[in-house]
Amino acid sequence: MRFAQILAYVVSNLRAPDKLLPIIRNLGARHREVGVVAEHFPPFKAALLKTLREKMGERWTPEVEMAWSSTYDMLAREMMSS
């Protein structure tokens, strides 16, 4: 449930980086405390995109994939930079 809440918060605040980035950086610091390292992000991205693609079905377009992929990359960079 926690992941779904964070994901909803991210989507709701993509146009409000002043609200979003501190939360994401804090999340990155907490993940690092439990041993998450940069190498964990690519397989998680692949699993997330696959899950979204399966759930969205025909609504999953190349544009949607690009949007999710680039958003994930930005979030991962921010999490790793904290």
C-alpha atoms as a PDB file:
ATOM      1  CA  MET A   1       0.000   0.000   0.000  1.00  0.00           C
ATOM      2  CA  ARG A   2       2.794   2.439   0.831  1.00  0.00           C
ATOM      3  CA  PHE A   3       4.241   2.180  -2.698  1.00  0.00           C
ATOM      4  CA  ALA A   4       0.847   2.948  -4.228  1.00  0.00           C
ATOM      5  CA  GLN A   5       0.526   6.006  -1.993  1.00  0.00           C
ATOM      6  CA  ILE A   6       3.950   7.310  -2.994  1.00  0.00           C
ATOM      7  CA  LEU A   7       3.214   6.665  -6.660  1.00  0.00           C
ATOM      8  CA  ALA A   8      -0.068   8.561  -6.421  1.00  0.00           C
ATOM      9  CA  TYR A   9       1.699  11.435  -4.661  1.00  0.00           C
ATOM     10  CA  VAL A  10       4.357  11.568  -7.387  1.00  0.00           C
ATOM     11  CA  VAL A  11       1.794  11.647 -10.182  1.00  0.00           C
ATOM     12  CA  SER A  12      -0.215  14.324  -8.377  1.00  0.00           C
ATOM     13  CA  ASN A  13       2.820  16.534  -7.828  1.00  0.00           C
ATOM     14  CA  LEU A  14       4.883  16.220 -11.009  1.00  0.00           C
ATOM     15  CA  ARG A  15       4.246  19.890 -11.726  1.00  0.00           C
ATOM     16  CA  ALA A  16       5.135  20.903  -8.171  1.00  0.00           C
ATOM     17  CA  PRO A  17       8.815  20.029  -7.774  1.00  0.00           C
ATOM     18  CA  ASP A  18       9.091  22.174  -4.637  1.00  0.00           C
ATOM     19  CA  LYS A  19       6.684  19.732  -2.949  1.00  0.00           C
ATOM     20  CA  LEU A  20       7.815  16.563  -4.692  1.00  0.00           C
ATOM     21  CA  LEU A  21      11.611  16.651  -4.600  1.00  0.00           C
ATOM     22  CA  PRO A  22      12.094  16.899  -0.824  1.00  0.00           C
ATOM     23  CA  ILE A  23       9.836  13.861  -0.352  1.00  0.00           C
ATOM     24  CA  ILE A  24      11.697  11.892  -3.040  1.00  0.00           C
ATOM     25  CA  ARG A  25      15.122  12.815  -1.645  1.00  0.00           C
ATOM     26  CA  ASN A  26      14.010  11.757   1.831  1.00  0.00           C
ATOM     27  CA  LEU A  27      12.713   8.510   0.376  1.00  0.00           C
ATOM     28  CA  GLY A  28      16.102   7.975  -1.266  1.00  0.00           C
ATOM     29  CA  ALA A  29      17.914   8.485   2.031  1.00  0.00           C
ATOM     30  CA  ARG A  30      15.625   5.982   3.758  1.00  0.00           C
ATOM     31  CA  HIS A  31      16.157   3.440   0.980  1.00  0.00           C
ATOM     32  CA  ARG A  32      19.922   3.837   1.238  1.00  0.00           C
ATOM     33  CA  GLU A  33      19.685   3.152   4.999  1.00  0.00           C
ATOM     34  CA  VAL A  34      18.189  -0.261   4.256  1.00  0.00           C
ATOM     35  CA  GLY A  35      20.776  -1.158   1.632  1.00  0.00           C
ATOM     36  CA  VAL A  36      19.233  -0.041  -1.652  1.00  0.00           C
ATOM     37  CA  VAL A  37      21.998   0.788  -4.140  1.00  0.00           C
ATOM     38  CA  ALA A  38      22.058   2.185  -7.680  1.00  0.00           C
ATOM     39  CA  GLU A  39      22.122  -1.315  -9.194  1.00  0.00           C
ATOM     40  CA  HIS A  40      18.668  -1.998  -7.770  1.00  0.00           C
ATOM     41  CA  PHE A  41      16.981   0.785  -9.733  1.00  0.00           C
ATOM     42  CA  PRO A  42      17.119  -0.637 -13.318  1.00  0.00           C
ATOM     43  CA  PRO A  43      15.453  -3.988 -12.503  1.00  0.00           C
ATOM     44  CA  PHE A  44      12.824  -2.206 -10.431  1.00  0.00           C
ATOM     45  CA  LYS A  45      12.164   0.143 -13.354  1.00  0.00           C
ATOM     46  CA  ALA A  46      11.729  -2.820 -15.702  1.00  0.00           C
ATOM     47  CA  ALA A  47       9.287  -4.495 -13.294  1.00  0.00           C
ATOM     48  CA  LEU A  48       7.316  -1.278 -12.772  1.00  0.00           C
ATOM     49  CA  LEU A  49       7.003  -0.561 -16.484  1.00  0.00           C
ATOM     50  CA  LYS A  50       5.992  -4.161 -17.192  1.00  0.00           C
ATOM     51  CA  THR A  51       3.312  -4.010 -14.497  1.00  0.00           C
ATOM     52  CA  LEU A  52       1.957  -0.701 -15.767  1.00  0.00           C
ATOM     53  CA  ARG A  53       1.949  -1.995 -19.346  1.00  0.00           C
ATOM     54  CA  GLU A  54      -0.007  -5.095 -18.306  1.00  0.00           C
ATOM     55  CA  LYS A  55      -2.510  -3.093 -16.241  1.00  0.00           C
ATOM     56  CA  MET A  56      -3.068  -0.393 -18.877  1.00  0.00           C
ATOM     57  CA  GLY A  57      -3.453  -2.770 -21.793  1.00  0.00           C
ATOM     58  CA  GLU A  58      -4.336  -0.941 -24.998  1.00  0.00           C
ATOM     59  CA  ARG A  59      -3.934   2.437 -23.292  1.00  0.00           C
ATOM     60  CA  TRP A  60      -0.189   1.737 -22.998  1.00  0.00           C
ATOM     61  CA  THR A  61       1.287   3.666 -25.905  1.00  0.00           C
ATOM     62  CA  PRO A  62       4.880   4.540 -26.800  1.00  0.00           C
ATOM     63  CA  GLU A  63       4.194   8.049 -25.480  1.00  0.00           C
ATOM     64  CA  VAL A  64       2.901   6.719 -22.157  1.00  0.00           C
ATOM     65  CA  GLU A  65       5.915   4.430 -21.867  1.00  0.00           C
ATOM     66  CA  MET A  66       8.286   7.327 -22.572  1.00  0.00           C
ATOM     67  CA  ALA A  67       6.553   9.497 -19.964  1.00  0.00           C
ATOM     68  CA  TRP A  68       6.730   6.824 -17.277  1.00  0.00           C
ATOM     69  CA  SER A  69      10.290   5.893 -18.189  1.00  0.00           C
ATOM     70  CA  SER A  70      11.593   9.450 -18.054  1.00  0.00           C
ATOM     71  CA  THR A  71       9.689  10.167 -14.837  1.00  0.00           C
ATOM     72  CA  TYR A  72      11.145   7.079 -13.215  1.00  0.00           C
ATOM     73  CA  ASP A  73      14.650   8.074 -14.339  1.00  0.00           C
ATOM     74  CA  MET A  74      14.241  11.537 -12.801  1.00  0.00           C
ATOM     75  CA  LEU A  75      12.945  10.091  -9.545  1.00  0.00           C
ATOM     76  CA  ALA A  76      15.737   7.518  -9.385  1.00  0.00           C
ATOM     77  CA  ARG A  77      18.364  10.253  -9.954  1.00  0.00           C
ATOM     78  CA  GLU A  78      16.870  12.339  -7.162  1.00  0.00           C
ATOM     79  CA  MET A  79      16.676   9.377  -4.798  1.00  0.00           C
ATOM     80  CA  MET A  80      20.289   8.419  -5.473  1.00  0.00           C
ATOM     81  CA  SER A  81      21.530  11.996  -5.110  1.00  0.00           C
ATOM     82  CA  SER A  82      20.211  12.455  -1.596  1.00  0.00           C
END
